[in-house]
Amino acid sequence: VLFAGFQAAGTRGAAMVAGVDAIKIHGAYVPVRAEVANLETLSAHADRDELLAWLGTQRAPRRVFVTHGEPVAADALRLAIEERHGWPCTVPDYRESREL
């Protein structure tokens, strides 16, 4: 799980970045089994071209999930990632979960 920037105190993101073994979701503790990293230097306000350029400096992942933005914009970014980098990319449905 890759976080982009600041994670506010008391949030699940901050807990995961801090290295907790489990986080509470809807009243149940869920183990954190993923590798967690935080890009503190990445602005949360990068535009599409900046995101695509940054992705080009990274090793190809097995899959990319676009989980931020309005549905039309998220799908446009998904298409751009697939076209420019050839990586499989998905915009998950609301409340959809995936095994990582």
N, C-alpha and C. Protein backbone atom coordinates (compact mmCIF):
# COMPACT_ATOMS: atom_id res chain seq x y z
N VAL A 1 0.86 -1.16 0.00
CA VAL A 1 0.00 0.00 0.00
C VAL A 1 0.90 1.22 0.00
N LEU A 2 0.71 2.10 -0.98
CA LEU A 2 1.54 3.28 -1.10
C LEU A 2 0.70 4.51 -0.80
N PHE A 3 1.03 5.21 0.27
CA PHE A 3 0.36 6.44 0.63
C PHE A 3 1.09 7.61 -0.01
N ALA A 4 0.33 8.59 -0.46
CA ALA A 4 0.93 9.77 -1.10
C ALA A 4 0.83 10.96 -0.16
N GLY A 5 1.86 11.15 0.65
CA GLY A 5 1.93 12.34 1.48
C GLY A 5 1.42 12.16 2.90
N PHE A 6 1.12 13.29 3.50
CA PHE A 6 0.77 13.39 4.91
C PHE A 6 -0.44 12.54 5.26
N GLN A 7 -0.32 11.83 6.36
CA GLN A 7 -1.43 11.06 6.92
C GLN A 7 -1.76 11.65 8.29
N ALA A 8 -2.96 12.17 8.44
CA ALA A 8 -3.35 12.86 9.67
C ALA A 8 -3.35 11.91 10.87
N ALA A 9 -2.94 12.45 12.01
CA ALA A 9 -2.93 11.68 13.26
C ALA A 9 -4.32 11.13 13.54
N GLY A 10 -4.36 9.89 14.01
CA GLY A 10 -5.63 9.26 14.35
C GLY A 10 -6.32 8.57 13.19
N THR A 11 -5.74 8.65 12.00
CA THR A 11 -6.35 7.99 10.84
C THR A 11 -5.76 6.60 10.64
N ARG A 12 -6.46 5.79 9.88
CA ARG A 12 -5.94 4.47 9.55
C ARG A 12 -4.65 4.58 8.75
N GLY A 13 -4.58 5.59 7.88
CA GLY A 13 -3.36 5.79 7.10
C GLY A 13 -2.16 6.05 7.99
N ALA A 14 -2.32 6.92 8.98
CA ALA A 14 -1.22 7.21 9.90
C ALA A 14 -0.82 5.97 10.67
N ALA A 15 -1.80 5.18 11.08
CA ALA A 15 -1.51 3.95 11.82
C ALA A 15 -0.73 2.97 10.95
N MET A 16 -1.14 2.84 9.70
CA MET A 16 -0.46 1.90 8.80
C MET A 16 0.96 2.36 8.51
N VAL A 17 1.15 3.66 8.29
CA VAL A 17 2.50 4.19 8.04
C VAL A 17 3.37 3.97 9.27
N ALA A 18 2.77 4.04 10.47
CA ALA A 18 3.51 3.83 11.71
C ALA A 18 3.86 2.36 11.94
N GLY A 19 3.27 1.45 11.15
CA GLY A 19 3.64 0.05 11.23
C GLY A 19 2.80 -0.82 12.13
N VAL A 20 1.54 -0.43 12.37
CA VAL A 20 0.69 -1.28 13.21
C VAL A 20 0.45 -2.63 12.55
N ASP A 21 0.14 -3.62 13.37
CA ASP A 21 -0.12 -4.97 12.87
C ASP A 21 -1.55 -5.15 12.36
N ALA A 22 -2.49 -4.31 12.87
CA ALA A 22 -3.89 -4.42 12.47
C ALA A 22 -4.53 -3.04 12.57
N ILE A 23 -5.56 -2.83 11.76
CA ILE A 23 -6.33 -1.59 11.82
C ILE A 23 -7.80 -1.96 12.00
N LYS A 24 -8.55 -1.05 12.63
CA LYS A 24 -9.96 -1.30 12.89
C LYS A 24 -10.79 -0.73 11.73
N ILE A 25 -11.58 -1.60 11.10
CA ILE A 25 -12.46 -1.20 10.01
C ILE A 25 -13.86 -1.71 10.32
N HIS A 26 -14.82 -0.80 10.43
CA HIS A 26 -16.21 -1.14 10.74
C HIS A 26 -16.32 -2.03 11.97
N GLY A 27 -15.55 -1.70 13.01
CA GLY A 27 -15.65 -2.40 14.28
C GLY A 27 -14.84 -3.67 14.42
N ALA A 28 -14.18 -4.09 13.36
CA ALA A 28 -13.39 -5.32 13.42
C ALA A 28 -11.93 -5.02 13.09
N TYR A 29 -11.03 -5.68 13.78
CA TYR A 29 -9.61 -5.51 13.50
C TYR A 29 -9.21 -6.38 12.32
N VAL A 30 -8.54 -5.75 11.36
CA VAL A 30 -8.10 -6.42 10.14
C VAL A 30 -6.58 -6.40 10.13
N PRO A 31 -5.93 -7.56 9.99
CA PRO A 31 -4.47 -7.57 9.98
C PRO A 31 -3.91 -6.84 8.76
N VAL A 32 -2.82 -6.12 8.97
CA VAL A 32 -2.13 -5.45 7.87
C VAL A 32 -1.06 -6.42 7.38
N ARG A 33 -1.29 -7.00 6.22
CA ARG A 33 -0.35 -7.98 5.67
C ARG A 33 0.47 -7.40 4.51
N ALA A 34 0.10 -6.21 4.08
CA ALA A 34 0.76 -5.58 2.93
C ALA A 34 2.01 -4.83 3.36
N GLU A 35 2.93 -4.67 2.42
CA GLU A 35 4.05 -3.76 2.63
C GLU A 35 3.48 -2.34 2.53
N VAL A 36 3.84 -1.48 3.46
CA VAL A 36 3.30 -0.12 3.51
C VAL A 36 4.44 0.87 3.34
N ALA A 37 4.24 1.85 2.48
CA ALA A 37 5.22 2.92 2.28
C ALA A 37 4.49 4.24 2.15
N ASN A 38 5.21 5.32 2.42
CA ASN A 38 4.63 6.66 2.34
C ASN A 38 5.56 7.56 1.55
N LEU A 39 5.04 8.20 0.52
CA LEU A 39 5.82 9.15 -0.27
C LEU A 39 5.57 10.54 0.29
N GLU A 40 6.33 10.92 1.29
CA GLU A 40 6.12 12.20 1.95
C GLU A 40 6.41 13.38 1.03
N THR A 41 7.22 13.18 0.01
CA THR A 41 7.57 14.29 -0.88
C THR A 41 6.61 14.45 -2.04
N LEU A 42 5.66 13.55 -2.22
CA LEU A 42 4.72 13.63 -3.33
C LEU A 42 3.53 14.49 -2.94
N SER A 43 3.28 15.53 -3.70
CA SER A 43 2.13 16.39 -3.44
C SER A 43 0.86 15.65 -3.79
N ALA A 44 -0.15 15.85 -2.99
CA ALA A 44 -1.45 15.25 -3.28
C ALA A 44 -2.15 15.98 -4.42
N HIS A 45 -1.51 17.01 -4.95
CA HIS A 45 -2.15 17.82 -5.98
C HIS A 45 -1.46 17.73 -7.33
N ALA A 46 -0.76 16.65 -7.59
CA ALA A 46 -0.12 16.47 -8.90
C ALA A 46 -1.21 16.33 -9.96
N ASP A 47 -0.93 16.85 -11.15
CA ASP A 47 -1.90 16.69 -12.23
C ASP A 47 -1.63 15.39 -12.98
N ARG A 48 -2.47 15.11 -13.95
CA ARG A 48 -2.39 13.86 -14.69
C ARG A 48 -1.03 13.65 -15.32
N ASP A 49 -0.50 14.65 -15.99
CA ASP A 49 0.80 14.50 -16.65
C ASP A 49 1.92 14.28 -15.64
N GLU A 50 1.85 14.97 -14.50
CA GLU A 50 2.87 14.76 -13.46
C GLU A 50 2.79 13.35 -12.89
N LEU A 51 1.58 12.86 -12.68
CA LEU A 51 1.41 11.49 -12.17
C LEU A 51 1.94 10.47 -13.17
N LEU A 52 1.62 10.66 -14.44
CA LEU A 52 2.09 9.73 -15.47
C LEU A 52 3.61 9.75 -15.58
N ALA A 53 4.21 10.94 -15.49
CA ALA A 53 5.67 11.04 -15.56
C ALA A 53 6.30 10.34 -14.36
N TRP A 54 5.75 10.56 -13.17
CA TRP A 54 6.30 9.92 -11.97
C TRP A 54 6.16 8.40 -12.07
N LEU A 55 5.01 7.93 -12.53
CA LEU A 55 4.82 6.49 -12.67
C LEU A 55 5.87 5.89 -13.60
N GLY A 56 6.27 6.65 -14.62
CA GLY A 56 7.27 6.17 -15.56
C GLY A 56 8.64 5.95 -14.95
N THR A 57 8.88 6.49 -13.77
CA THR A 57 10.16 6.30 -13.08
C THR A 57 10.13 5.08 -12.16
N GLN A 58 8.97 4.43 -12.08
CA GLN A 58 8.79 3.32 -11.15
C GLN A 58 8.84 1.98 -11.88
N ARG A 59 9.13 0.96 -11.11
CA ARG A 59 9.10 -0.42 -11.61
C ARG A 59 7.64 -0.79 -11.90
N ALA A 60 7.41 -1.53 -12.96
CA ALA A 60 6.04 -1.90 -13.34
C ALA A 60 5.39 -2.74 -12.25
N PRO A 61 4.23 -2.33 -11.76
CA PRO A 61 3.51 -3.13 -10.76
C PRO A 61 2.68 -4.21 -11.44
N ARG A 62 2.18 -5.15 -10.65
CA ARG A 62 1.28 -6.17 -11.21
C ARG A 62 -0.04 -5.54 -11.61
N ARG A 63 -0.49 -4.54 -10.85
CA ARG A 63 -1.75 -3.86 -11.14
C ARG A 63 -1.73 -2.51 -10.45
N VAL A 64 -2.39 -1.54 -11.06
CA VAL A 64 -2.56 -0.20 -10.48
C VAL A 64 -4.04 -0.02 -10.16
N PHE A 65 -4.33 0.54 -8.98
CA PHE A 65 -5.70 0.86 -8.60
C PHE A 65 -5.81 2.37 -8.46
N VAL A 66 -6.72 2.99 -9.21
CA VAL A 66 -6.98 4.42 -9.08
C VAL A 66 -8.17 4.56 -8.14
N THR A 67 -7.91 5.12 -6.95
CA THR A 67 -8.95 5.17 -5.92
C THR A 67 -9.27 6.58 -5.47
N HIS A 68 -8.90 7.56 -6.27
CA HIS A 68 -9.14 8.95 -5.89
C HIS A 68 -9.71 9.70 -7.09
N GLY A 69 -10.62 10.61 -6.82
CA GLY A 69 -11.18 11.43 -7.88
C GLY A 69 -12.59 11.02 -8.26
N GLU A 70 -13.23 11.89 -9.01
CA GLU A 70 -14.57 11.60 -9.52
C GLU A 70 -14.47 10.45 -10.52
N PRO A 71 -15.54 9.66 -10.66
CA PRO A 71 -15.47 8.48 -11.53
C PRO A 71 -14.97 8.75 -12.95
N VAL A 72 -15.43 9.81 -13.59
CA VAL A 72 -15.01 10.09 -14.97
C VAL A 72 -13.52 10.42 -15.01
N ALA A 73 -13.04 11.24 -14.07
CA ALA A 73 -11.62 11.60 -14.03
C ALA A 73 -10.76 10.39 -13.68
N ALA A 74 -11.22 9.58 -12.74
CA ALA A 74 -10.46 8.38 -12.36
C ALA A 74 -10.34 7.42 -13.54
N ASP A 75 -11.42 7.27 -14.30
CA ASP A 75 -11.37 6.37 -15.45
C ASP A 75 -10.47 6.93 -16.54
N ALA A 76 -10.44 8.25 -16.71
CA ALA A 76 -9.54 8.86 -17.70
C ALA A 76 -8.09 8.61 -17.30
N LEU A 77 -7.78 8.72 -16.01
CA LEU A 77 -6.42 8.44 -15.55
C LEU A 77 -6.09 6.96 -15.75
N ARG A 78 -7.04 6.09 -15.47
CA ARG A 78 -6.83 4.66 -15.70
C ARG A 78 -6.45 4.39 -17.15
N LEU A 79 -7.20 4.96 -18.07
CA LEU A 79 -6.91 4.77 -19.50
C LEU A 79 -5.54 5.31 -19.86
N ALA A 80 -5.19 6.48 -19.33
CA ALA A 80 -3.88 7.08 -19.63
C ALA A 80 -2.74 6.20 -19.12
N ILE A 81 -2.91 5.62 -17.93
CA ILE A 81 -1.88 4.73 -17.37
C ILE A 81 -1.73 3.50 -18.26
N GLU A 82 -2.85 2.92 -18.65
CA GLU A 82 -2.79 1.73 -19.52
C GLU A 82 -2.14 2.06 -20.87
N GLU A 83 -2.52 3.20 -21.45
CA GLU A 83 -1.99 3.57 -22.77
C GLU A 83 -0.51 3.93 -22.72
N ARG A 84 -0.12 4.76 -21.75
CA ARG A 84 1.26 5.22 -21.71
C ARG A 84 2.22 4.15 -21.21
N HIS A 85 1.82 3.42 -20.18
CA HIS A 85 2.74 2.48 -19.54
C HIS A 85 2.45 1.02 -19.83
N GLY A 86 1.26 0.73 -20.35
CA GLY A 86 0.90 -0.66 -20.64
C GLY A 86 0.66 -1.50 -19.40
N TRP A 87 0.37 -0.84 -18.29
CA TRP A 87 0.14 -1.55 -17.03
C TRP A 87 -1.35 -1.81 -16.85
N PRO A 88 -1.72 -2.97 -16.31
CA PRO A 88 -3.13 -3.20 -16.01
C PRO A 88 -3.58 -2.25 -14.91
N CYS A 89 -4.70 -1.61 -15.12
CA CYS A 89 -5.15 -0.57 -14.19
C CYS A 89 -6.65 -0.70 -14.00
N THR A 90 -7.11 -0.49 -12.77
CA THR A 90 -8.51 -0.66 -12.41
C THR A 90 -8.98 0.52 -11.58
N VAL A 91 -10.22 0.93 -11.79
CA VAL A 91 -10.90 1.86 -10.88
C VAL A 91 -11.91 1.01 -10.12
N PRO A 92 -11.61 0.67 -8.87
CA PRO A 92 -12.53 -0.21 -8.13
C PRO A 92 -13.88 0.46 -7.90
N ASP A 93 -14.91 -0.34 -7.83
CA ASP A 93 -16.24 0.15 -7.48
C ASP A 93 -16.27 0.54 -6.00
N TYR A 94 -17.21 1.39 -5.64
CA TYR A 94 -17.39 1.78 -4.24
C TYR A 94 -17.58 0.53 -3.38
N ARG A 95 -16.81 0.45 -2.31
CA ARG A 95 -16.84 -0.64 -1.33
C ARG A 95 -16.31 -1.97 -1.89
N GLU A 96 -15.75 -1.96 -3.08
CA GLU A 96 -15.16 -3.17 -3.63
C GLU A 96 -13.86 -3.47 -2.89
N SER A 97 -13.60 -4.73 -2.63
CA SER A 97 -12.34 -5.10 -1.99
C SER A 97 -11.58 -6.04 -2.92
N ARG A 98 -10.28 -6.01 -2.80
CA ARG A 98 -9.40 -6.84 -3.63
C ARG A 98 -8.34 -7.47 -2.75
N GLU A 99 -7.97 -8.68 -3.07
CA GLU A 99 -6.86 -9.36 -2.41
C GLU A 99 -5.57 -8.82 -3.00
N LEU A 100 -4.66 -8.37 -2.14
CA LEU A 100 -3.37 -7.85 -2.61
C LEU A 100 -2.29 -8.87 -2.37
